[in-house]
Amino acid sequence: MPLRVLVVLLLVANLLYFTWSRGGLAMFGMVPASLAQGEPERLTQQIRPQMLKILKDESAPRP
């Protein structure tokens, strides 16, 4: 019986952590720092992002 209680408590704790880390508890004021701040400093460090061009690799074999 005590082992079942421990397993259930660990599962609930894991579920709460998962919900918190995905921002699901934001309505209660509990948001992880990664979701609250973002990374605006990375946007300011970009040098001419409009020059970036994505090219297709033509040498890759077709499936």
Protein backbone atom coordinates (compact mmCIF):
# COMPACT_ATOMS: atom_id res chain seq x y z
CA MET A 1 0.00 0.00 0.00
CA PRO A 2 2.70 2.59 0.85
CA LEU A 3 4.43 1.84 -2.46
CA ARG A 4 1.23 2.58 -4.40
CA VAL A 5 0.85 5.90 -2.61
CA LEU A 6 4.44 6.78 -3.45
CA VAL A 7 3.96 5.90 -7.12
CA VAL A 8 0.75 7.92 -7.34
CA LEU A 9 2.45 10.92 -5.67
CA LEU A 10 5.37 10.71 -8.07
CA LEU A 11 3.02 10.54 -11.06
CA VAL A 12 1.08 13.58 -9.82
CA ALA A 13 4.30 15.49 -9.22
CA ASN A 14 5.52 14.59 -12.71
CA LEU A 15 2.23 15.72 -14.26
CA LEU A 16 2.35 19.01 -12.36
CA TYR A 17 5.92 19.64 -13.46
CA PHE A 18 5.05 18.88 -17.09
CA THR A 19 2.04 21.21 -16.95
CA TRP A 20 4.12 23.99 -15.35
CA SER A 21 6.98 23.63 -17.86
CA ARG A 22 4.53 23.96 -20.79
CA GLY A 23 2.97 27.11 -19.32
CA GLY A 24 -0.26 25.44 -18.27
CA LEU A 25 -0.21 27.04 -14.83
CA ALA A 26 0.11 30.60 -16.16
CA MET A 27 -3.40 31.46 -14.98
CA PHE A 28 -2.18 30.94 -11.42
CA GLY A 29 0.89 33.14 -11.93
CA MET A 30 3.31 30.24 -12.17
CA VAL A 31 5.22 30.49 -15.45
CA PRO A 32 8.76 29.23 -16.08
CA ALA A 33 11.31 31.94 -16.87
CA SER A 34 11.86 30.61 -20.39
CA LEU A 35 8.23 31.32 -21.32
CA ALA A 36 7.94 34.58 -19.41
CA GLN A 37 10.91 36.41 -20.91
CA GLY A 38 11.61 34.99 -24.32
CA GLU A 39 14.97 35.92 -25.81
CA PRO A 40 14.80 39.48 -27.16
CA GLU A 41 18.58 39.83 -26.93
CA ARG A 42 19.00 37.29 -29.73
CA LEU A 43 16.87 39.41 -32.05
CA THR A 44 19.05 42.45 -31.39
CA GLN A 45 22.24 40.45 -32.09
CA GLN A 46 21.20 39.47 -35.60
CA ILE A 47 23.19 41.05 -38.39
CA ARG A 48 21.14 41.59 -41.58
CA PRO A 49 18.72 38.66 -41.16
CA GLN A 50 16.99 39.63 -44.42
CA MET A 51 20.09 38.43 -46.29
CA LEU A 52 19.48 34.83 -45.18
CA LYS A 53 18.50 32.56 -48.05
CA ILE A 54 17.50 28.92 -47.72
CA LEU A 55 18.70 26.84 -50.67
CA LYS A 56 17.62 23.39 -51.67
CA ASP A 57 20.34 20.76 -51.92
CA GLU A 58 20.16 19.49 -55.50
CA SER A 59 22.82 16.83 -55.00
CA ALA A 60 20.71 14.88 -52.50
CA PRO A 61 19.24 11.64 -53.92
CA ARG A 62 15.47 11.63 -54.37
CA PRO A 63 13.57 8.93 -52.48
